[in-house]
C-alpha atoms as a PDB file:
ATOM      1  CA  MET A   1      -3.267 -33.662  25.150  1.00  0.00           C
ATOM      2  CA  ASN A   2      -0.015 -32.343  26.409  1.00  0.00           C
ATOM      3  CA  GLU A   3       0.738 -28.781  27.299  1.00  0.00           C
ATOM      4  CA  LEU A   4       3.535 -28.583  24.205  1.00  0.00           C
ATOM      5  CA  SER A   5       0.706 -29.469  21.985  1.00  0.00           C
ATOM      6  CA  ILE A   6      -1.637 -26.866  22.946  1.00  0.00           C
ATOM      7  CA  ILE A   7       0.890 -24.270  22.938  1.00  0.00           C
ATOM      8  CA  ALA A   8       2.231 -25.324  19.186  1.00  0.00           C
ATOM      9  CA  GLY A   9      -1.661 -25.373  17.975  1.00  0.00           C
ATOM     10  CA  LEU A  10      -2.228 -21.960  19.295  1.00  0.00           C
ATOM     11  CA  LEU A  11       0.931 -20.669  17.894  1.00  0.00           C
ATOM     12  CA  LEU A  12      -0.023 -22.024  14.514  1.00  0.00           C
ATOM     13  CA  LEU A  13      -3.448 -20.765  14.681  1.00  0.00           C
ATOM     14  CA  ALA A  14      -2.059 -17.049  15.666  1.00  0.00           C
ATOM     15  CA  THR A  15       0.647 -17.313  12.865  1.00  0.00           C
ATOM     16  CA  ILE A  16      -2.379 -18.395  10.204  1.00  0.00           C
ATOM     17  CA  VAL A  17      -4.625 -15.484  11.717  1.00  0.00           C
ATOM     18  CA  ALA A  18      -1.806 -12.824  11.296  1.00  0.00           C
ATOM     19  CA  ALA A  19      -0.906 -13.745   7.832  1.00  0.00           C
ATOM     20  CA  SER A  20      -4.527 -13.429   6.761  1.00  0.00           C
ATOM     21  CA  LEU A  21      -4.763  -9.944   8.193  1.00  0.00           C
ATOM     22  CA  TYR A  22      -1.780  -9.034   6.491  1.00  0.00           C
ATOM     23  CA  ALA A  23      -3.088 -10.329   3.003  1.00  0.00           C
ATOM     24  CA  LEU A  24      -6.308  -8.459   3.348  1.00  0.00           C
ATOM     25  CA  GLU A  25      -4.449  -5.337   4.400  1.00  0.00           C
ATOM     26  CA  ARG A  26      -2.167  -5.757   1.180  1.00  0.00           C
ATOM     27  CA  ILE A  27      -5.342  -6.275  -0.988  1.00  0.00           C
ATOM     28  CA  GLN A  28      -7.043  -3.279   0.420  1.00  0.00           C
ATOM     29  CA  ARG A  29      -4.036  -0.963  -0.120  1.00  0.00           C
ATOM     30  CA  ARG A  30      -3.659  -2.354  -3.876  1.00  0.00           C
ATOM     31  CA  LYS A  31      -7.412  -1.646  -4.415  1.00  0.00           C
ATOM     32  CA  ALA A  32      -7.203   1.649  -3.151  1.00  0.00           C
ATOM     33  CA  PHE A  33      -4.044   2.565  -5.293  1.00  0.00           C
ATOM     34  CA  LEU A  34      -5.590   1.283  -8.371  1.00  0.00           C
ATOM     35  CA  ARG A  35      -9.038   3.033  -7.460  1.00  0.00           C
ATOM     36  CA  TRP A  36      -6.965   6.295  -7.399  1.00  0.00           C
ATOM     37  CA  ALA A  37      -4.936   5.424 -10.571  1.00  0.00           C
ATOM     38  CA  ALA A  38      -8.467   5.146 -12.215  1.00  0.00           C
ATOM     39  CA  SER A  39     -10.016   8.279 -10.993  1.00  0.00           C
ATOM     40  CA  GLN A  40      -6.775   9.915 -12.610  1.00  0.00           C
ATOM     41  CA  ASP A  41      -7.418   8.291 -15.686  1.00  0.00           C
ATOM     42  CA  PHE A  42      -3.998   6.641 -15.379  1.00  0.00           C
ATOM     43  CA  ARG A  43      -3.105   3.389 -17.105  1.00  0.00           C
ATOM     44  CA  ILE A  44      -0.565   1.791 -14.668  1.00  0.00           C
ATOM     45  CA  MET A  45       2.252  -0.063 -16.098  1.00  0.00           C
ATOM     46  CA  ASP A  46       4.208  -0.925 -12.918  1.00  0.00           C
ATOM     47  CA  TYR A  47       3.810  -0.281  -9.330  1.00  0.00           C
ATOM     48  CA  ARG A  48       5.480  -1.261  -5.951  1.00  0.00           C
ATOM     49  CA  GLN A  49       5.510  -0.142  -2.378  1.00  0.00           C
ATOM     50  CA  PRO A  50       8.928   0.858  -1.256  1.00  0.00           C
ATOM     51  CA  VAL A  51      10.657  -1.420   1.414  1.00  0.00           C
ATOM     52  CA  LEU A  52      11.102   0.001   4.833  1.00  0.00           C
ATOM     53  CA  THR A  53      14.691   1.544   3.922  1.00  0.00           C
ATOM     54  CA  GLU A  54      14.086   2.831   0.795  1.00  0.00           C
ATOM     55  CA  LYS A  55      14.005   6.858   0.494  1.00  0.00           C
ATOM     56  CA  SER A  56      10.945   7.979  -1.083  1.00  0.00           C
ATOM     57  CA  PRO A  57      10.056  11.913  -1.336  1.00  0.00           C
ATOM     58  CA  PHE A  58       7.614  11.202   1.714  1.00  0.00           C
ATOM     59  CA  PRO A  59       9.998  10.448   4.486  1.00  0.00           C
ATOM     60  CA  ILE A  60       7.552  11.084   7.061  1.00  0.00           C
ATOM     61  CA  VAL A  61       4.009   9.520   7.052  1.00  0.00           C
ATOM     62  CA  ALA A  62       1.738  10.948   9.842  1.00  0.00           C
ATOM     63  CA  SER A  63      -0.056   7.606  10.141  1.00  0.00           C
ATOM     64  CA  LYS A  64       0.603   4.028   9.125  1.00  0.00           C
ATOM     65  CA  ALA A  65      -2.930   4.243   7.454  1.00  0.00           C
ATOM     66  CA  GLN A  66      -1.134   6.331   4.877  1.00  0.00           C
ATOM     67  CA  GLN A  67       0.443   4.128   2.288  1.00  0.00           C
ATOM     68  CA  ILE A  68       3.060   4.932  -0.413  1.00  0.00           C
ATOM     69  CA  PHE A  69       3.577   3.529  -3.941  1.00  0.00           C
ATOM     70  CA  HIS A  70       6.193   4.184  -6.228  1.00  0.00           C
ATOM     71  CA  PHE A  71       4.476   3.805  -9.987  1.00  0.00           C
ATOM     72  CA  THR A  72       4.935   4.241 -13.974  1.00  0.00           C
ATOM     73  CA  ALA A  73       1.657   5.045 -15.635  1.00  0.00           C
ATOM     74  CA  GLN A  74       0.617   6.360 -19.259  1.00  0.00           C
ATOM     75  CA  LEU A  75      -1.274   9.625 -18.520  1.00  0.00           C
ATOM     76  CA  PRO A  76      -4.375  10.749 -20.616  1.00  0.00           C
ATOM     77  CA  ASP A  77      -2.212  12.537 -23.042  1.00  0.00           C
ATOM     78  CA  GLY A  78      -0.293   9.549 -23.907  1.00  0.00           C
ATOM     79  CA  THR A  79       2.931  10.177 -22.025  1.00  0.00           C
ATOM     80  CA  ARG A  80       4.431   7.652 -19.816  1.00  0.00           C
ATOM     81  CA  LYS A  81       5.953   8.929 -16.331  1.00  0.00           C
ATOM     82  CA  SER A  82       7.008   7.561 -13.249  1.00  0.00           C
ATOM     83  CA  GLY A  83       6.576   8.883  -9.922  1.00  0.00           C
ATOM     84  CA  TRP A  84       5.431   8.457  -6.160  1.00  0.00           C
ATOM     85  CA  VAL A  85       2.088   8.838  -4.383  1.00  0.00           C
ATOM     86  CA  LEU A  86       1.123   9.223  -0.861  1.00  0.00           C
ATOM     87  CA  LEU A  87      -2.460   7.739  -0.589  1.00  0.00           C
ATOM     88  CA  GLY A  88      -4.681   8.678   2.468  1.00  0.00           C
ATOM     89  CA  SER A  89      -4.768  10.864   5.293  1.00  0.00           C
ATOM     90  CA  ALA A  90      -3.708  10.529   9.195  1.00  0.00           C
ATOM     91  CA  TRP A  91      -7.071  10.253  10.342  1.00  0.00           C
ATOM     92  CA  SER A  92      -9.337   8.387   7.715  1.00  0.00           C
ATOM     93  CA  GLY A  93      -6.512   6.298   6.243  1.00  0.00           C
ATOM     94  CA  LEU A  94      -6.927   4.928   2.544  1.00  0.00           C
ATOM     95  CA  TYR A  95     -10.853   5.835   3.238  1.00  0.00           C
ATOM     96  CA  SER A  96      -9.894   9.308   2.462  1.00  0.00           C
ATOM     97  CA  LYS A  97      -9.715  10.507  -1.261  1.00  0.00           C
ATOM     98  CA  GLN A  98      -6.467  12.516  -0.553  1.00  0.00           C
ATOM     99  CA  ALA A  99      -3.611  12.039  -2.444  1.00  0.00           C
ATOM    100  CA  ARG A 100      -0.152  13.628  -3.031  1.00  0.00           C
ATOM    101  CA  ILE A 101       2.235  13.162  -5.990  1.00  0.00           C
ATOM    102  CA  GLN A 102       5.470  13.614  -6.515  1.00  0.00           C
ATOM    103  CA  TRP A 103       6.992  12.753 -10.070  1.00  0.00           C
ATOM    104  CA  ASP A 104      10.309  11.548 -10.794  1.00  0.00           C
ATOM    105  CA  SER A 105      12.751  13.709 -12.684  1.00  0.00           C
END
């Protein structure tokens, strides 16, 4: 094998590993969000994570392990509301049960 083939193979392997780790992290974030919503008895209609440049009520996050979601939910009393939630803590990330909600006006 020539050197170029080995480098290309290693780059392909690194790309596959990075993409897999990112996909697993997205699954973990989604599960944490849905677990939180279920604990609040919210029926989630729609949710998303903001892009990097999008404004949210939580402009400074203390840790990369904390996650922000925008969501629309049906509350236990039947009303629909949309808002933002910051999940996790700076130290334990999504393993923490901490959550801060900011409702849209």
